[in-house]
Amino acid sequence: MIAKLTGLVDSTGEDYVIIDVGGVGYSVFCSIRTLNMLTAATGTVSVMIETHVREDHIHLYGFADEAERAWFKLLTTVQGVGAKVCLAILSVLSPDHLVQAIAAQDQAAVTQAPGVGPKLATRILSELKDKVGGIALGSTTATLEGEVAQAEGGNQFANDAVSALVNLGYGRSDAFRVVHQAAAKLGADASVEVLIKDGLSELSAHG
C-alpha cells in the first residue's frame, strides 16, 4: 500500500499530477490546494498518499500534508461523500477553514464545493461535528470539540452577535471566528454591541 511518494513533478492536469519516482510515473489525484503547491515547487516534492483499491482500478490520492489527508479520510465517512467530492471540498476549504465551518455549522461555506448541495452540506456538518475530536493543522492543533462546545454552550450575546454579522453580509465562519475571539478576550459578560463592534474591527482589519 502506497502511503507517500517523493519524486519530481512530470506533468499536471485539472485534478491530477504525475510524479516521476525513479523513472516510474504515478498518477495522483489532488485538491487544487495541493496541485498549486506542487506546481509552484522546484526540485523534489513529497506528497502523502491515500490508496483506494477497487476491482477495476487502483487510485492514488495525494495531499500536501497530513492534516489534509486526515480530513479526506474523515469526509469519506459521510454517506454520499466520495473521493471526488472530498477533493472538491478540500479545494475550496483548507483544513483550518473546515474546522471553522463545522464549528460554525456554516452550510454556505461547504456548498462552495462543486457537487455539494445544501442537503449534503447539512449532513457533512452534522456528522463531522460529532465524529471529529482534534486534528493537527500545521503548527497548531485545532480541537473542534472545544469550538463546538463554545458555540453551543456560549452565552446568547455571542450567538446574537454572530447572527448580526451574518445579516450584515459576512460569512458565518468568519463571523463565528471573530465573535468568539472577542468573547474570549473581553469576557463572558461582553454585550452584543461590544462583540459586534470588536468583530467588525477585526473583519475590517483583515478584509
N, C-alpha and C. Protein backbone atom coordinates (compact mmCIF):
# COMPACT_ATOMS: atom_id res chain seq x y z
N MET A 1 0.84 -1.20 0.00
CA MET A 1 0.00 0.00 0.00
C MET A 1 0.88 1.25 0.00
N ILE A 2 0.67 2.11 -0.98
CA ILE A 2 1.48 3.34 -1.08
C ILE A 2 0.95 4.38 -0.10
N ALA A 3 1.84 4.93 0.75
CA ALA A 3 1.45 5.93 1.74
C ALA A 3 2.11 7.29 1.49
N LYS A 4 3.19 7.30 0.69
CA LYS A 4 3.89 8.55 0.41
C LYS A 4 4.70 8.39 -0.87
N LEU A 5 4.78 9.47 -1.64
CA LEU A 5 5.59 9.48 -2.85
C LEU A 5 6.54 10.67 -2.81
N THR A 6 7.79 10.43 -3.17
CA THR A 6 8.77 11.51 -3.27
C THR A 6 9.44 11.41 -4.63
N GLY A 7 9.37 12.49 -5.39
CA GLY A 7 9.95 12.47 -6.73
C GLY A 7 9.84 13.82 -7.39
N LEU A 8 9.81 13.83 -8.71
CA LEU A 8 9.72 15.07 -9.49
C LEU A 8 8.37 15.17 -10.18
N VAL A 9 7.87 16.39 -10.26
CA VAL A 9 6.61 16.62 -10.97
C VAL A 9 6.86 16.50 -12.46
N ASP A 10 6.20 15.54 -13.09
CA ASP A 10 6.35 15.34 -14.53
C ASP A 10 5.38 16.22 -15.30
N SER A 11 4.11 16.19 -14.89
CA SER A 11 3.07 17.00 -15.53
C SER A 11 1.86 17.06 -14.61
N THR A 12 0.97 18.00 -14.91
CA THR A 12 -0.26 18.13 -14.12
C THR A 12 -1.46 18.28 -15.04
N GLY A 13 -2.63 17.91 -14.53
CA GLY A 13 -3.89 18.10 -15.24
C GLY A 13 -4.84 18.88 -14.36
N GLU A 14 -6.11 18.87 -14.73
CA GLU A 14 -7.11 19.64 -13.98
C GLU A 14 -7.23 19.17 -12.54
N ASP A 15 -7.13 17.86 -12.32
CA ASP A 15 -7.31 17.33 -10.96
C ASP A 15 -6.28 16.27 -10.60
N TYR A 16 -5.16 16.25 -11.33
CA TYR A 16 -4.16 15.22 -11.04
C TYR A 16 -2.75 15.72 -11.33
N VAL A 17 -1.78 15.00 -10.80
CA VAL A 17 -0.38 15.27 -11.07
C VAL A 17 0.30 13.94 -11.36
N ILE A 18 1.27 13.94 -12.24
CA ILE A 18 2.07 12.75 -12.47
C ILE A 18 3.43 12.99 -11.82
N ILE A 19 3.77 12.14 -10.86
CA ILE A 19 5.03 12.27 -10.14
C ILE A 19 5.99 11.18 -10.61
N ASP A 20 7.15 11.60 -11.06
CA ASP A 20 8.18 10.68 -11.53
C ASP A 20 9.03 10.25 -10.34
N VAL A 21 8.91 8.97 -10.01
CA VAL A 21 9.70 8.41 -8.91
C VAL A 21 10.65 7.37 -9.50
N GLY A 22 11.90 7.76 -9.67
CA GLY A 22 12.89 6.83 -10.23
C GLY A 22 12.57 6.33 -11.61
N GLY A 23 11.95 7.17 -12.44
CA GLY A 23 11.61 6.79 -13.80
C GLY A 23 10.24 6.20 -13.95
N VAL A 24 9.52 6.00 -12.86
CA VAL A 24 8.14 5.48 -12.90
C VAL A 24 7.19 6.62 -12.61
N GLY A 25 6.22 6.84 -13.50
CA GLY A 25 5.27 7.93 -13.32
C GLY A 25 4.01 7.47 -12.60
N TYR A 26 3.70 8.10 -11.48
CA TYR A 26 2.49 7.79 -10.71
C TYR A 26 1.47 8.90 -10.91
N SER A 27 0.26 8.52 -11.33
CA SER A 27 -0.83 9.48 -11.49
C SER A 27 -1.55 9.63 -10.16
N VAL A 28 -1.58 10.85 -9.64
CA VAL A 28 -2.12 11.10 -8.31
C VAL A 28 -3.20 12.19 -8.39
N PHE A 29 -4.40 11.88 -7.92
CA PHE A 29 -5.47 12.87 -7.87
C PHE A 29 -5.28 13.76 -6.65
N CYS A 30 -5.48 15.07 -6.82
CA CYS A 30 -5.22 16.02 -5.74
C CYS A 30 -6.27 17.12 -5.70
N SER A 31 -6.32 17.80 -4.57
CA SER A 31 -7.12 19.03 -4.46
C SER A 31 -6.38 20.15 -5.19
N ILE A 32 -7.10 21.22 -5.49
CA ILE A 32 -6.47 22.38 -6.13
C ILE A 32 -5.37 22.94 -5.24
N ARG A 33 -5.60 22.91 -3.94
CA ARG A 33 -4.60 23.41 -2.98
C ARG A 33 -3.28 22.66 -3.12
N THR A 34 -3.35 21.33 -3.17
CA THR A 34 -2.14 20.53 -3.30
C THR A 34 -1.53 20.68 -4.69
N LEU A 35 -2.37 20.73 -5.72
CA LEU A 35 -1.85 20.91 -7.09
C LEU A 35 -1.08 22.22 -7.21
N ASN A 36 -1.61 23.28 -6.62
CA ASN A 36 -0.92 24.58 -6.69
C ASN A 36 0.44 24.51 -5.99
N MET A 37 0.48 23.81 -4.86
CA MET A 37 1.74 23.66 -4.14
C MET A 37 2.77 22.91 -4.99
N LEU A 38 2.32 21.84 -5.64
CA LEU A 38 3.23 21.03 -6.44
C LEU A 38 3.68 21.77 -7.69
N THR A 39 2.77 22.53 -8.29
CA THR A 39 3.11 23.29 -9.49
C THR A 39 4.16 24.36 -9.19
N ALA A 40 4.04 24.96 -8.01
CA ALA A 40 4.96 26.03 -7.63
C ALA A 40 6.31 25.50 -7.15
N ALA A 41 6.39 24.21 -6.81
CA ALA A 41 7.61 23.65 -6.25
C ALA A 41 8.67 23.44 -7.34
N THR A 42 9.92 23.52 -6.92
CA THR A 42 11.04 23.20 -7.82
C THR A 42 11.83 22.06 -7.19
N GLY A 43 12.28 21.16 -8.02
CA GLY A 43 13.04 20.02 -7.49
C GLY A 43 12.15 18.93 -6.95
N THR A 44 12.67 18.18 -6.00
CA THR A 44 11.96 17.03 -5.44
C THR A 44 10.78 17.46 -4.58
N VAL A 45 9.66 16.76 -4.73
CA VAL A 45 8.46 17.02 -3.92
C VAL A 45 8.05 15.74 -3.21
N SER A 46 7.30 15.91 -2.14
CA SER A 46 6.74 14.76 -1.42
C SER A 46 5.25 14.99 -1.19
N VAL A 47 4.45 13.96 -1.39
CA VAL A 47 3.02 14.04 -1.12
C VAL A 47 2.59 12.83 -0.30
N MET A 48 1.71 13.08 0.67
CA MET A 48 1.10 11.99 1.42
C MET A 48 0.07 11.32 0.51
N ILE A 49 -0.03 10.01 0.59
CA ILE A 49 -0.90 9.27 -0.34
C ILE A 49 -1.94 8.44 0.41
N GLU A 50 -3.14 8.45 -0.13
CA GLU A 50 -4.20 7.54 0.30
C GLU A 50 -4.52 6.66 -0.91
N THR A 51 -4.36 5.35 -0.76
CA THR A 51 -4.55 4.41 -1.87
C THR A 51 -5.93 3.76 -1.79
N HIS A 52 -6.70 3.88 -2.85
CA HIS A 52 -8.01 3.23 -2.92
C HIS A 52 -7.94 2.10 -3.95
N VAL A 53 -8.19 0.89 -3.49
CA VAL A 53 -8.14 -0.28 -4.37
C VAL A 53 -9.56 -0.77 -4.62
N ARG A 54 -9.92 -0.84 -5.89
CA ARG A 54 -11.23 -1.35 -6.29
C ARG A 54 -11.02 -2.52 -7.26
N GLU A 55 -12.09 -3.20 -7.60
CA GLU A 55 -11.99 -4.34 -8.51
C GLU A 55 -11.46 -3.92 -9.87
N ASP A 56 -11.85 -2.72 -10.31
CA ASP A 56 -11.50 -2.30 -11.68
C ASP A 56 -10.41 -1.23 -11.73
N HIS A 57 -9.90 -0.77 -10.59
CA HIS A 57 -8.86 0.25 -10.63
C HIS A 57 -8.15 0.40 -9.29
N ILE A 58 -6.99 1.03 -9.35
CA ILE A 58 -6.29 1.48 -8.15
C ILE A 58 -6.05 2.98 -8.32
N HIS A 59 -6.59 3.78 -7.41
CA HIS A 59 -6.44 5.21 -7.48
C HIS A 59 -5.58 5.72 -6.34
N LEU A 60 -4.70 6.65 -6.64
CA LEU A 60 -3.87 7.29 -5.63
C LEU A 60 -4.36 8.73 -5.44
N TYR A 61 -4.56 9.12 -4.18
CA TYR A 61 -4.97 10.47 -3.85
C TYR A 61 -3.86 11.11 -3.03
N GLY A 62 -3.41 12.31 -3.46
CA GLY A 62 -2.26 12.95 -2.83
C GLY A 62 -2.63 14.20 -2.05
N PHE A 63 -1.85 14.46 -0.98
CA PHE A 63 -2.16 15.57 -0.08
C PHE A 63 -0.89 16.32 0.30
N ALA A 64 -1.05 17.63 0.45
CA ALA A 64 0.08 18.48 0.78
C ALA A 64 0.64 18.19 2.16
N ASP A 65 -0.23 17.75 3.07
CA ASP A 65 0.21 17.48 4.43
C ASP A 65 -0.70 16.46 5.09
N GLU A 66 -0.34 16.05 6.29
CA GLU A 66 -1.09 15.02 6.99
C GLU A 66 -2.48 15.51 7.38
N ALA A 67 -2.61 16.81 7.66
CA ALA A 67 -3.91 17.35 8.05
C ALA A 67 -4.92 17.19 6.91
N GLU A 68 -4.49 17.49 5.68
CA GLU A 68 -5.39 17.37 4.54
C GLU A 68 -5.79 15.90 4.32
N ARG A 69 -4.83 14.99 4.48
CA ARG A 69 -5.15 13.57 4.32
C ARG A 69 -6.13 13.11 5.40
N ALA A 70 -5.94 13.59 6.64
CA ALA A 70 -6.84 13.22 7.73
C ALA A 70 -8.27 13.68 7.45
N TRP A 71 -8.42 14.88 6.91
CA TRP A 71 -9.75 15.38 6.57
C TRP A 71 -10.36 14.59 5.42
N PHE A 72 -9.54 14.20 4.45
CA PHE A 72 -10.04 13.37 3.34
C PHE A 72 -10.64 12.07 3.88
N LYS A 73 -9.91 11.42 4.78
CA LYS A 73 -10.39 10.16 5.35
C LYS A 73 -11.65 10.37 6.17
N LEU A 74 -11.72 11.50 6.89
CA LEU A 74 -12.89 11.79 7.71
C LEU A 74 -14.10 12.12 6.86
N LEU A 75 -13.90 12.93 5.83
CA LEU A 75 -15.01 13.31 4.95
C LEU A 75 -15.62 12.11 4.25
N THR A 76 -14.80 11.13 3.88
CA THR A 76 -15.33 9.96 3.17
C THR A 76 -16.15 9.04 4.07
N THR A 77 -16.17 9.30 5.37
CA THR A 77 -17.04 8.51 6.26
C THR A 77 -18.49 8.99 6.19
N VAL A 78 -18.71 10.15 5.58
CA VAL A 78 -20.06 10.70 5.47
C VAL A 78 -20.74 10.10 4.24
N GLN A 79 -21.95 9.61 4.42
CA GLN A 79 -22.69 9.00 3.31
C GLN A 79 -22.89 10.01 2.19
N GLY A 80 -22.57 9.59 0.97
CA GLY A 80 -22.74 10.46 -0.18
C GLY A 80 -21.51 11.28 -0.53
N VAL A 81 -20.46 11.15 0.28
CA VAL A 81 -19.22 11.89 0.02
C VAL A 81 -18.15 10.92 -0.48
N GLY A 82 -17.93 10.92 -1.78
CA GLY A 82 -16.89 10.09 -2.36
C GLY A 82 -15.59 10.86 -2.48
N ALA A 83 -14.60 10.21 -3.05
CA ALA A 83 -13.27 10.82 -3.16
C ALA A 83 -13.31 12.12 -3.98
N LYS A 84 -14.07 12.13 -5.06
CA LYS A 84 -14.13 13.32 -5.92
C LYS A 84 -14.71 14.51 -5.17
N VAL A 85 -15.79 14.27 -4.42
CA VAL A 85 -16.41 15.35 -3.64
C VAL A 85 -15.47 15.82 -2.54
N CYS A 86 -14.76 14.87 -1.93
CA CYS A 86 -13.78 15.23 -0.90
C CYS A 86 -12.75 16.21 -1.44
N LEU A 87 -12.18 15.89 -2.59
CA LEU A 87 -11.17 16.76 -3.17
C LEU A 87 -11.76 18.12 -3.54
N ALA A 88 -13.02 18.13 -3.96
CA ALA A 88 -13.68 19.40 -4.28
C ALA A 88 -13.81 20.26 -3.03
N ILE A 89 -14.17 19.64 -1.91
CA ILE A 89 -14.30 20.37 -0.65
C ILE A 89 -12.94 20.89 -0.20
N LEU A 90 -11.93 20.03 -0.28
CA LEU A 90 -10.58 20.44 0.14
C LEU A 90 -9.96 21.46 -0.81
N SER A 91 -10.53 21.59 -2.00
CA SER A 91 -10.05 22.59 -2.95
C SER A 91 -10.53 23.99 -2.58
N VAL A 92 -11.70 24.07 -1.93
CA VAL A 92 -12.25 25.39 -1.57
C VAL A 92 -12.09 25.72 -0.09
N LEU A 93 -11.86 24.70 0.74
CA LEU A 93 -11.71 24.92 2.18
C LEU A 93 -10.44 24.22 2.68
N SER A 94 -9.52 24.99 3.21
CA SER A 94 -8.33 24.39 3.82
C SER A 94 -8.73 23.68 5.10
N PRO A 95 -7.88 22.82 5.67
CA PRO A 95 -8.21 22.19 6.95
C PRO A 95 -8.61 23.18 8.03
N ASP A 96 -7.90 24.32 8.13
CA ASP A 96 -8.25 25.35 9.12
C ASP A 96 -9.67 25.86 8.89
N HIS A 97 -10.00 26.12 7.63
CA HIS A 97 -11.33 26.66 7.33
C HIS A 97 -12.42 25.61 7.52
N LEU A 98 -12.09 24.35 7.33
CA LEU A 98 -13.06 23.29 7.60
C LEU A 98 -13.42 23.24 9.08
N VAL A 99 -12.42 23.42 9.93
CA VAL A 99 -12.68 23.45 11.38
C VAL A 99 -13.66 24.57 11.69
N GLN A 100 -13.40 25.76 11.14
CA GLN A 100 -14.28 26.90 11.40
C GLN A 100 -15.68 26.65 10.86
N ALA A 101 -15.76 26.10 9.64
CA ALA A 101 -17.07 25.87 9.01
C ALA A 101 -17.90 24.88 9.82
N ILE A 102 -17.28 23.82 10.30
CA ILE A 102 -18.01 22.81 11.05
C ILE A 102 -18.41 23.34 12.43
N ALA A 103 -17.50 24.05 13.08
CA ALA A 103 -17.81 24.63 14.38
C ALA A 103 -18.96 25.63 14.26
N ALA A 104 -18.96 26.42 13.19
CA ALA A 104 -19.99 27.44 12.98
C ALA A 104 -21.23 26.88 12.30
N GLN A 105 -21.18 25.59 11.87
CA GLN A 105 -22.26 24.98 11.09
C GLN A 105 -22.59 25.85 9.88
N ASP A 106 -21.54 26.21 9.15
CA ASP A 106 -21.62 27.14 8.02
C ASP A 106 -21.90 26.38 6.72
N GLN A 107 -23.19 26.22 6.42
CA GLN A 107 -23.60 25.48 5.22
C GLN A 107 -23.10 26.15 3.95
N ALA A 108 -23.16 27.48 3.92
CA ALA A 108 -22.76 28.22 2.71
C ALA A 108 -21.31 27.96 2.35
N ALA A 109 -20.45 27.83 3.36
CA ALA A 109 -19.03 27.60 3.09
C ALA A 109 -18.82 26.26 2.40
N VAL A 110 -19.53 25.23 2.86
CA VAL A 110 -19.34 23.88 2.31
C VAL A 110 -19.95 23.76 0.93
N THR A 111 -21.05 24.45 0.68
CA THR A 111 -21.69 24.36 -0.64
C THR A 111 -20.92 25.11 -1.72
N GLN A 112 -19.82 25.77 -1.36
CA GLN A 112 -18.96 26.35 -2.40
C GLN A 112 -18.32 25.27 -3.26
N ALA A 113 -18.19 24.07 -2.71
CA ALA A 113 -17.55 22.97 -3.43
C ALA A 113 -18.48 22.41 -4.49
N PRO A 114 -18.02 22.24 -5.73
CA PRO A 114 -18.83 21.65 -6.78
C PRO A 114 -19.34 20.27 -6.36
N GLY A 115 -20.62 20.01 -6.59
CA GLY A 115 -21.19 18.71 -6.26
C GLY A 115 -21.74 18.61 -4.85
N VAL A 116 -21.65 19.70 -4.08
CA VAL A 116 -22.16 19.69 -2.70
C VAL A 116 -23.35 20.63 -2.61
N GLY A 117 -24.54 20.06 -2.49
CA GLY A 117 -25.75 20.86 -2.33
C GLY A 117 -26.07 21.08 -0.87
N PRO A 118 -27.11 21.85 -0.58
CA PRO A 118 -27.47 22.15 0.81
C PRO A 118 -27.73 20.90 1.67
N LYS A 119 -28.39 19.91 1.10
CA LYS A 119 -28.71 18.71 1.87
C LYS A 119 -27.45 17.96 2.27
N LEU A 120 -26.53 17.78 1.33
CA LEU A 120 -25.29 17.07 1.63
C LEU A 120 -24.42 17.90 2.58
N ALA A 121 -24.40 19.21 2.39
CA ALA A 121 -23.62 20.07 3.28
C ALA A 121 -24.12 19.96 4.72
N THR A 122 -25.43 19.94 4.90
CA THR A 122 -26.01 19.80 6.24
C THR A 122 -25.61 18.47 6.86
N ARG A 123 -25.62 17.40 6.05
CA ARG A 123 -25.23 16.08 6.57
C ARG A 123 -23.76 16.07 6.98
N ILE A 124 -22.91 16.68 6.17
CA ILE A 124 -21.47 16.74 6.48
C ILE A 124 -21.25 17.48 7.80
N LEU A 125 -21.87 18.65 7.94
CA LEU A 125 -21.69 19.46 9.14
C LEU A 125 -22.19 18.74 10.38
N SER A 126 -23.33 18.10 10.25
CA SER A 126 -23.93 17.40 11.39
C SER A 126 -23.10 16.19 11.83
N GLU A 127 -22.71 15.36 10.86
CA GLU A 127 -22.00 14.14 11.20
C GLU A 127 -20.57 14.40 11.68
N LEU A 128 -19.89 15.35 11.07
CA LEU A 128 -18.50 15.60 11.45
C LEU A 128 -18.38 16.32 12.78
N LYS A 129 -19.40 17.07 13.15
CA LYS A 129 -19.39 17.74 14.45
C LYS A 129 -19.30 16.71 15.57
N ASP A 130 -19.94 15.56 15.35
CA ASP A 130 -19.95 14.52 16.38
C ASP A 130 -18.76 13.56 16.28
N LYS A 131 -18.15 13.47 15.10
CA LYS A 131 -17.10 12.47 14.91
C LYS A 131 -15.70 12.96 15.22
N VAL A 132 -15.42 14.20 14.89
CA VAL A 132 -14.04 14.65 14.98
C VAL A 132 -13.70 15.08 16.40
N GLY A 133 -12.47 14.74 16.82
CA GLY A 133 -12.00 15.17 18.14
C GLY A 133 -11.01 16.28 17.98
N GLY A 134 -9.79 15.97 17.56
CA GLY A 134 -8.78 17.00 17.31
C GLY A 134 -7.96 16.60 16.10
N ILE A 135 -7.64 17.57 15.26
CA ILE A 135 -6.84 17.30 14.06
C ILE A 135 -5.70 18.29 14.02
N ALA A 136 -4.49 17.77 13.80
CA ALA A 136 -3.32 18.64 13.74
C ALA A 136 -3.36 19.45 12.46
N LEU A 137 -3.24 20.77 12.60
CA LEU A 137 -3.26 21.65 11.44
C LEU A 137 -1.97 22.45 11.40
N GLY A 138 -0.99 21.93 10.67
CA GLY A 138 0.28 22.62 10.57
C GLY A 138 0.96 22.70 11.93
N SER A 139 1.24 23.92 12.38
CA SER A 139 1.96 24.10 13.63
C SER A 139 1.04 24.17 14.83
N THR A 140 -0.28 24.14 14.60
CA THR A 140 -1.21 24.21 15.71
C THR A 140 -2.13 23.01 15.70
N THR A 141 -2.81 22.78 16.79
CA THR A 141 -3.80 21.73 16.86
C THR A 141 -5.14 22.35 17.16
N ALA A 142 -6.05 22.26 16.19
CA ALA A 142 -7.38 22.82 16.38
C ALA A 142 -8.30 21.75 16.91
N THR A 143 -8.89 21.95 18.06
CA THR A 143 -9.78 20.97 18.66
C THR A 143 -11.21 21.38 18.42
N LEU A 144 -11.86 20.66 17.53
CA LEU A 144 -13.20 21.02 17.13
C LEU A 144 -14.19 20.89 18.27
N GLU A 145 -14.00 19.91 19.15
CA GLU A 145 -14.93 19.74 20.26
C GLU A 145 -15.01 21.02 21.09
N GLY A 146 -13.87 21.67 21.30
CA GLY A 146 -13.85 22.90 22.07
C GLY A 146 -14.58 24.01 21.34
N GLU A 147 -14.39 24.09 20.01
CA GLU A 147 -15.06 25.11 19.22
C GLU A 147 -16.58 24.93 19.26
N VAL A 148 -17.02 23.67 19.11
CA VAL A 148 -18.45 23.39 19.10
C VAL A 148 -19.06 23.65 20.47
N ALA A 149 -18.35 23.25 21.52
CA ALA A 149 -18.85 23.48 22.87
C ALA A 149 -19.00 24.97 23.12
N GLN A 150 -18.06 25.76 22.60
CA GLN A 150 -18.13 27.20 22.76
C GLN A 150 -19.35 27.75 22.04
N ALA A 151 -19.64 27.20 20.86
CA ALA A 151 -20.78 27.68 20.09
C ALA A 151 -22.10 27.29 20.73
N GLU A 152 -22.18 26.06 21.25
CA GLU A 152 -23.43 25.56 21.80
C GLU A 152 -23.65 26.00 23.24
N GLY A 153 -22.54 26.10 24.00
CA GLY A 153 -22.69 26.42 25.41
C GLY A 153 -22.38 27.86 25.74
N GLY A 154 -21.94 28.62 24.74
CA GLY A 154 -21.58 30.01 24.98
C GLY A 154 -22.81 30.85 25.27
N ASN A 155 -22.57 32.12 25.66
CA ASN A 155 -23.70 32.96 26.02
C ASN A 155 -24.47 33.40 24.79
N GLN A 156 -25.70 33.80 25.02
CA GLN A 156 -26.58 34.20 23.93
C GLN A 156 -26.09 35.46 23.24
N PHE A 157 -25.34 36.32 23.98
CA PHE A 157 -24.79 37.53 23.38
C PHE A 157 -23.91 37.19 22.18
N ALA A 158 -23.05 36.17 22.34
CA ALA A 158 -22.15 35.78 21.25
C ALA A 158 -22.95 35.26 20.06
N ASN A 159 -23.96 34.44 20.33
CA ASN A 159 -24.77 33.90 19.25
C ASN A 159 -25.50 35.01 18.50
N ASP A 160 -26.01 36.00 19.26
CA ASP A 160 -26.71 37.12 18.63
C ASP A 160 -25.74 37.98 17.80
N ALA A 161 -24.52 38.13 18.30
CA ALA A 161 -23.53 38.93 17.57
C ALA A 161 -23.15 38.25 16.26
N VAL A 162 -23.01 36.93 16.29
CA VAL A 162 -22.71 36.18 15.07
C VAL A 162 -23.84 36.39 14.05
N SER A 163 -25.08 36.25 14.50
CA SER A 163 -26.23 36.43 13.60
C SER A 163 -26.25 37.83 13.00
N ALA A 164 -25.92 38.83 13.83
CA ALA A 164 -25.91 40.21 13.35
C ALA A 164 -24.88 40.41 12.25
N LEU A 165 -23.68 39.85 12.44
CA LEU A 165 -22.63 40.00 11.43
C LEU A 165 -23.00 39.26 10.14
N VAL A 166 -23.64 38.11 10.28
CA VAL A 166 -24.09 37.36 9.09
C VAL A 166 -25.13 38.19 8.34
N ASN A 167 -26.03 38.84 9.09
CA ASN A 167 -27.05 39.69 8.45
C ASN A 167 -26.45 40.89 7.75
N LEU A 168 -25.24 41.28 8.19
CA LEU A 168 -24.54 42.40 7.54
C LEU A 168 -23.79 41.95 6.29
N GLY A 169 -23.83 40.64 6.01
CA GLY A 169 -23.22 40.15 4.78
C GLY A 169 -21.92 39.39 4.94
N TYR A 170 -21.46 39.21 6.17
CA TYR A 170 -20.22 38.46 6.40
C TYR A 170 -20.51 36.96 6.43
N GLY A 171 -19.53 36.16 6.05
CA GLY A 171 -19.68 34.72 6.07
C GLY A 171 -19.84 34.21 7.50
N ARG A 172 -20.62 33.15 7.67
CA ARG A 172 -20.88 32.65 9.01
C ARG A 172 -19.60 32.18 9.71
N SER A 173 -18.71 31.53 8.98
CA SER A 173 -17.46 31.05 9.59
C SER A 173 -16.62 32.22 10.10
N ASP A 174 -16.50 33.28 9.29
CA ASP A 174 -15.72 34.45 9.69
C ASP A 174 -16.36 35.15 10.89
N ALA A 175 -17.69 35.27 10.84
CA ALA A 175 -18.40 35.91 11.94
C ALA A 175 -18.23 35.12 13.23
N PHE A 176 -18.36 33.81 13.13
CA PHE A 176 -18.19 32.94 14.29
C PHE A 176 -16.79 33.10 14.88
N ARG A 177 -15.79 33.12 14.01
CA ARG A 177 -14.40 33.20 14.48
C ARG A 177 -14.12 34.50 15.23
N VAL A 178 -14.50 35.64 14.63
CA VAL A 178 -14.15 36.91 15.27
C VAL A 178 -14.96 37.17 16.53
N VAL A 179 -16.22 36.74 16.53
CA VAL A 179 -17.04 36.96 17.73
C VAL A 179 -16.54 36.13 18.90
N HIS A 180 -16.19 34.88 18.64
CA HIS A 180 -15.72 34.04 19.75
C HIS A 180 -14.31 34.42 20.18
N GLN A 181 -13.54 34.99 19.28
CA GLN A 181 -12.25 35.56 19.69
C GLN A 181 -12.49 36.76 20.61
N ALA A 182 -13.45 37.59 20.22
CA ALA A 182 -13.78 38.76 21.03
C ALA A 182 -14.32 38.36 22.40
N ALA A 183 -15.17 37.33 22.43
CA ALA A 183 -15.75 36.88 23.69
C ALA A 183 -14.67 36.34 24.63
N ALA A 184 -13.70 35.64 24.04
CA ALA A 184 -12.61 35.11 24.86
C ALA A 184 -11.75 36.24 25.43
N LYS A 185 -11.60 37.31 24.64
CA LYS A 185 -10.75 38.44 25.04
C LYS A 185 -11.46 39.36 26.02
N LEU A 186 -12.76 39.62 25.78
CA LEU A 186 -13.49 40.62 26.54
C LEU A 186 -14.26 40.05 27.73
N GLY A 187 -14.43 38.71 27.74
CA GLY A 187 -15.13 38.09 28.86
C GLY A 187 -16.56 37.73 28.53
N ALA A 188 -17.13 36.85 29.34
CA ALA A 188 -18.47 36.31 29.09
C ALA A 188 -19.56 37.36 29.22
N ASP A 189 -19.28 38.46 29.92
CA ASP A 189 -20.31 39.48 30.15
C ASP A 189 -20.33 40.57 29.08
N ALA A 190 -19.49 40.44 28.06
CA ALA A 190 -19.45 41.45 27.00
C ALA A 190 -20.81 41.50 26.29
N SER A 191 -21.29 42.71 26.03
CA SER A 191 -22.60 42.87 25.41
C SER A 191 -22.56 42.54 23.93
N VAL A 192 -23.75 42.38 23.36
CA VAL A 192 -23.86 42.10 21.93
C VAL A 192 -23.21 43.23 21.14
N GLU A 193 -23.49 44.47 21.53
CA GLU A 193 -22.96 45.62 20.81
C GLU A 193 -21.43 45.64 20.82
N VAL A 194 -20.84 45.34 21.98
CA VAL A 194 -19.39 45.34 22.11
C VAL A 194 -18.78 44.23 21.26
N LEU A 195 -19.41 43.07 21.26
CA LEU A 195 -18.91 41.94 20.47
C LEU A 195 -19.00 42.24 18.98
N ILE A 196 -20.09 42.86 18.57
CA ILE A 196 -20.25 43.23 17.16
C ILE A 196 -19.19 44.24 16.76
N LYS A 197 -18.99 45.25 17.60
CA LYS A 197 -18.00 46.29 17.31
C LYS A 197 -16.60 45.71 17.18
N ASP A 198 -16.22 44.84 18.12
CA ASP A 198 -14.90 44.22 18.08
C ASP A 198 -14.77 43.30 16.86
N GLY A 199 -15.86 42.56 16.58
CA GLY A 199 -15.83 41.67 15.42
C GLY A 199 -15.70 42.43 14.11
N LEU A 200 -16.42 43.54 13.99
CA LEU A 200 -16.33 44.37 12.79
C LEU A 200 -14.92 44.93 12.63
N SER A 201 -14.33 45.34 13.74
CA SER A 201 -12.98 45.87 13.69
C SER A 201 -12.00 44.83 13.19
N GLU A 202 -12.14 43.61 13.66
CA GLU A 202 -11.25 42.52 13.24
C GLU A 202 -11.48 42.18 11.77
N LEU A 203 -12.72 42.13 11.36
CA LEU A 203 -13.03 41.81 9.96
C LEU A 203 -12.52 42.89 9.02
N SER A 204 -12.64 44.15 9.43
CA SER A 204 -12.18 45.26 8.60
C SER A 204 -10.66 45.27 8.49
N ALA A 205 -10.01 44.91 9.58
CA ALA A 205 -8.54 44.91 9.59
C ALA A 205 -7.97 43.85 8.66
N HIS A 206 -8.73 42.77 8.45
CA HIS A 206 -8.24 41.67 7.61
C HIS A 206 -9.08 41.52 6.35
N GLY A 207 -9.84 42.55 6.06
CA GLY A 207 -10.76 42.39 4.98
C GLY A 207 -10.54 42.83 3.66
